Amino acid sequence: MIKNGTRLQSQVDQTQVIVVRSADSVDDLRCGGAPMVLVGSGGLSGAPDPGLATGTAMGKRYTDDSGAEVLVSKAGQGTLSIGKTPLDLKEAKPLPASD
């Protein structure tokens, strides 16, 4: 199982993520349809699947239904997914009003 703090990179674009909250599902984390690998353990090989190429935003967190959460440290064109299921963009919580 991939641990919290693990840095992963895409094999098909420039996307890099940090695992904030791990879950068993993170073992099948993909970007652009290709499995993600540890940072520094591979180069680019191919292009993102056209159906999974909506892009990622730097500094944003993405989650799945099992509670896994990743933080994008470098943006790219591929869609983050668990298998073929895209991750959800985690919405920022509004700060309480201070009167």
C-alpha atoms as a PDB file:
ATOM      1  CA  MET A   1       0.000   0.000   0.000  1.00  0.00           C
ATOM      2  CA  ILE A   2       1.213   3.490  -0.858  1.00  0.00           C
ATOM      3  CA  LYS A   3       1.879   5.575   2.269  1.00  0.00           C
ATOM      4  CA  ASN A   4       1.029   9.183   3.163  1.00  0.00           C
ATOM      5  CA  GLY A   5       3.688  11.585   1.861  1.00  0.00           C
ATOM      6  CA  THR A   6       4.615   9.421  -1.146  1.00  0.00           C
ATOM      7  CA  ARG A   7       5.412  11.472  -4.264  1.00  0.00           C
ATOM      8  CA  LEU A   8       4.145  10.070  -7.566  1.00  0.00           C
ATOM      9  CA  GLN A   9       4.460  11.185 -11.184  1.00  0.00           C
ATOM     10  CA  SER A  10       2.560  10.526 -14.378  1.00  0.00           C
ATOM     11  CA  GLN A  11       4.044   8.464 -17.183  1.00  0.00           C
ATOM     12  CA  VAL A  12       2.148  10.393 -19.896  1.00  0.00           C
ATOM     13  CA  ASP A  13       2.419  14.076 -18.876  1.00  0.00           C
ATOM     14  CA  GLN A  14       4.041  16.413 -16.331  1.00  0.00           C
ATOM     15  CA  THR A  15       1.617  15.735 -13.445  1.00  0.00           C
ATOM     16  CA  GLN A  16       3.117  15.056 -10.007  1.00  0.00           C
ATOM     17  CA  VAL A  17       1.187  14.452  -6.786  1.00  0.00           C
ATOM     18  CA  ILE A  18       1.796  13.931  -3.078  1.00  0.00           C
ATOM     19  CA  VAL A  19      -0.399  11.392  -1.275  1.00  0.00           C
ATOM     20  CA  VAL A  20      -2.057  13.299   1.595  1.00  0.00           C
ATOM     21  CA  ARG A  21      -4.385  10.522   2.804  1.00  0.00           C
ATOM     22  CA  SER A  22      -3.738   7.002   1.632  1.00  0.00           C
ATOM     23  CA  ALA A  23      -6.279   4.227   1.067  1.00  0.00           C
ATOM     24  CA  ASP A  24      -6.099   0.849  -0.672  1.00  0.00           C
ATOM     25  CA  SER A  25      -7.515   2.473  -3.824  1.00  0.00           C
ATOM     26  CA  VAL A  26      -4.369   4.632  -4.249  1.00  0.00           C
ATOM     27  CA  ASP A  27      -2.520   1.502  -5.390  1.00  0.00           C
ATOM     28  CA  ASP A  28      -4.436   1.898  -8.700  1.00  0.00           C
ATOM     29  CA  LEU A  29      -3.905   5.679  -9.022  1.00  0.00           C
ATOM     30  CA  ARG A  30      -3.619   6.704 -12.662  1.00  0.00           C
ATOM     31  CA  CYS A  31      -3.100   9.874 -14.644  1.00  0.00           C
ATOM     32  CA  GLY A  32      -4.313  10.082 -18.220  1.00  0.00           C
ATOM     33  CA  GLY A  33      -5.149   6.367 -18.026  1.00  0.00           C
ATOM     34  CA  ALA A  34      -1.582   5.220 -17.205  1.00  0.00           C
ATOM     35  CA  PRO A  35      -0.474   4.044 -13.731  1.00  0.00           C
ATOM     36  CA  MET A  36       1.463   6.624 -11.718  1.00  0.00           C
ATOM     37  CA  VAL A  37       5.013   5.780 -10.600  1.00  0.00           C
ATOM     38  CA  LEU A  38       7.359   7.026  -7.880  1.00  0.00           C
ATOM     39  CA  VAL A  39       8.982  10.374  -8.718  1.00  0.00           C
ATOM     40  CA  GLY A  40      12.278   9.790 -10.484  1.00  0.00           C
ATOM     41  CA  SER A  41      11.579   6.185 -11.444  1.00  0.00           C
ATOM     42  CA  GLY A  42      10.589   6.710 -15.060  1.00  0.00           C
ATOM     43  CA  GLY A  43      10.201   9.123 -17.923  1.00  0.00           C
ATOM     44  CA  LEU A  44       7.365  10.015 -20.241  1.00  0.00           C
ATOM     45  CA  SER A  45       6.108   7.174 -22.398  1.00  0.00           C
ATOM     46  CA  GLY A  46       3.093   7.964 -24.531  1.00  0.00           C
ATOM     47  CA  ALA A  47       0.245  10.446 -24.335  1.00  0.00           C
ATOM     48  CA  PRO A  48      -2.817  10.724 -22.088  1.00  0.00           C
ATOM     49  CA  ASP A  49      -5.929   8.771 -23.091  1.00  0.00           C
ATOM     50  CA  PRO A  50      -8.177  11.347 -24.869  1.00  0.00           C
ATOM     51  CA  GLY A  51     -11.087  10.347 -22.599  1.00  0.00           C
ATOM     52  CA  LEU A  52      -8.958  11.029 -19.514  1.00  0.00           C
ATOM     53  CA  ALA A  53      -7.321  14.319 -20.498  1.00  0.00           C
ATOM     54  CA  THR A  54      -9.227  17.038 -18.644  1.00  0.00           C
ATOM     55  CA  GLY A  55      -6.097  18.163 -16.776  1.00  0.00           C
ATOM     56  CA  THR A  56      -5.083  18.775 -13.195  1.00  0.00           C
ATOM     57  CA  ALA A  57      -4.611  22.055 -11.325  1.00  0.00           C
ATOM     58  CA  MET A  58      -1.503  22.749  -9.252  1.00  0.00           C
ATOM     59  CA  GLY A  59      -2.159  23.135  -5.529  1.00  0.00           C
ATOM     60  CA  LYS A  60      -5.566  21.449  -5.706  1.00  0.00           C
ATOM     61  CA  ARG A  61      -6.582  18.339  -3.805  1.00  0.00           C
ATOM     62  CA  TYR A  62      -8.379  15.414  -5.415  1.00  0.00           C
ATOM     63  CA  THR A  63     -10.313  12.713  -3.528  1.00  0.00           C
ATOM     64  CA  ASP A  64     -12.131   9.439  -4.124  1.00  0.00           C
ATOM     65  CA  ASP A  65     -15.045   7.718  -2.374  1.00  0.00           C
ATOM     66  CA  SER A  66     -12.749   5.640  -0.136  1.00  0.00           C
ATOM     67  CA  GLY A  67     -11.265   8.778   1.472  1.00  0.00           C
ATOM     68  CA  ALA A  68      -7.973   8.832  -0.435  1.00  0.00           C
ATOM     69  CA  GLU A  69      -6.632  12.332  -1.087  1.00  0.00           C
ATOM     70  CA  VAL A  70      -3.770  13.580  -3.269  1.00  0.00           C
ATOM     71  CA  LEU A  71      -2.305  17.071  -3.661  1.00  0.00           C
ATOM     72  CA  VAL A  72      -1.133  18.142  -7.131  1.00  0.00           C
ATOM     73  CA  SER A  73       2.413  19.536  -6.907  1.00  0.00           C
ATOM     74  CA  LYS A  74       2.890  19.860 -10.679  1.00  0.00           C
ATOM     75  CA  ALA A  75      -0.016  20.243 -13.114  1.00  0.00           C
ATOM     76  CA  GLY A  76      -0.505  18.347 -16.377  1.00  0.00           C
ATOM     77  CA  GLN A  77      -3.042  17.413 -19.057  1.00  0.00           C
ATOM     78  CA  GLY A  78      -4.092  13.982 -17.733  1.00  0.00           C
ATOM     79  CA  THR A  79      -7.079  13.281 -15.495  1.00  0.00           C
ATOM     80  CA  LEU A  80      -6.336  11.714 -12.100  1.00  0.00           C
ATOM     81  CA  SER A  81      -8.318   8.516 -11.625  1.00  0.00           C
ATOM     82  CA  ILE A  82      -8.593   5.291  -9.676  1.00  0.00           C
ATOM     83  CA  GLY A  83      -8.741   2.787 -12.505  1.00  0.00           C
ATOM     84  CA  LYS A  84     -11.150   4.429 -14.984  1.00  0.00           C
ATOM     85  CA  THR A  85     -13.052   6.426 -12.309  1.00  0.00           C
ATOM     86  CA  PRO A  86     -11.944  10.096 -12.216  1.00  0.00           C
ATOM     87  CA  LEU A  87     -11.097  11.626  -8.844  1.00  0.00           C
ATOM     88  CA  ASP A  88     -13.209  14.513  -7.539  1.00  0.00           C
ATOM     89  CA  LEU A  89     -11.771  17.993  -7.017  1.00  0.00           C
ATOM     90  CA  LYS A  90     -11.958  18.733  -3.291  1.00  0.00           C
ATOM     91  CA  GLU A  91     -13.782  21.988  -2.678  1.00  0.00           C
ATOM     92  CA  ALA A  92     -12.267  24.515  -0.294  1.00  0.00           C
ATOM     93  CA  LYS A  93     -14.225  25.038   2.893  1.00  0.00           C
ATOM     94  CA  PRO A  94     -15.416  28.631   3.364  1.00  0.00           C
ATOM     95  CA  LEU A  95     -13.853  30.469   6.272  1.00  0.00           C
ATOM     96  CA  PRO A  96     -16.206  31.606   9.011  1.00  0.00           C
ATOM     97  CA  ALA A  97     -17.214  35.247   8.862  1.00  0.00           C
ATOM     98  CA  SER A  98     -15.512  37.504  11.357  1.00  0.00           C
ATOM     99  CA  ASP A  99     -17.629  40.492  12.347  1.00  0.00           C
END
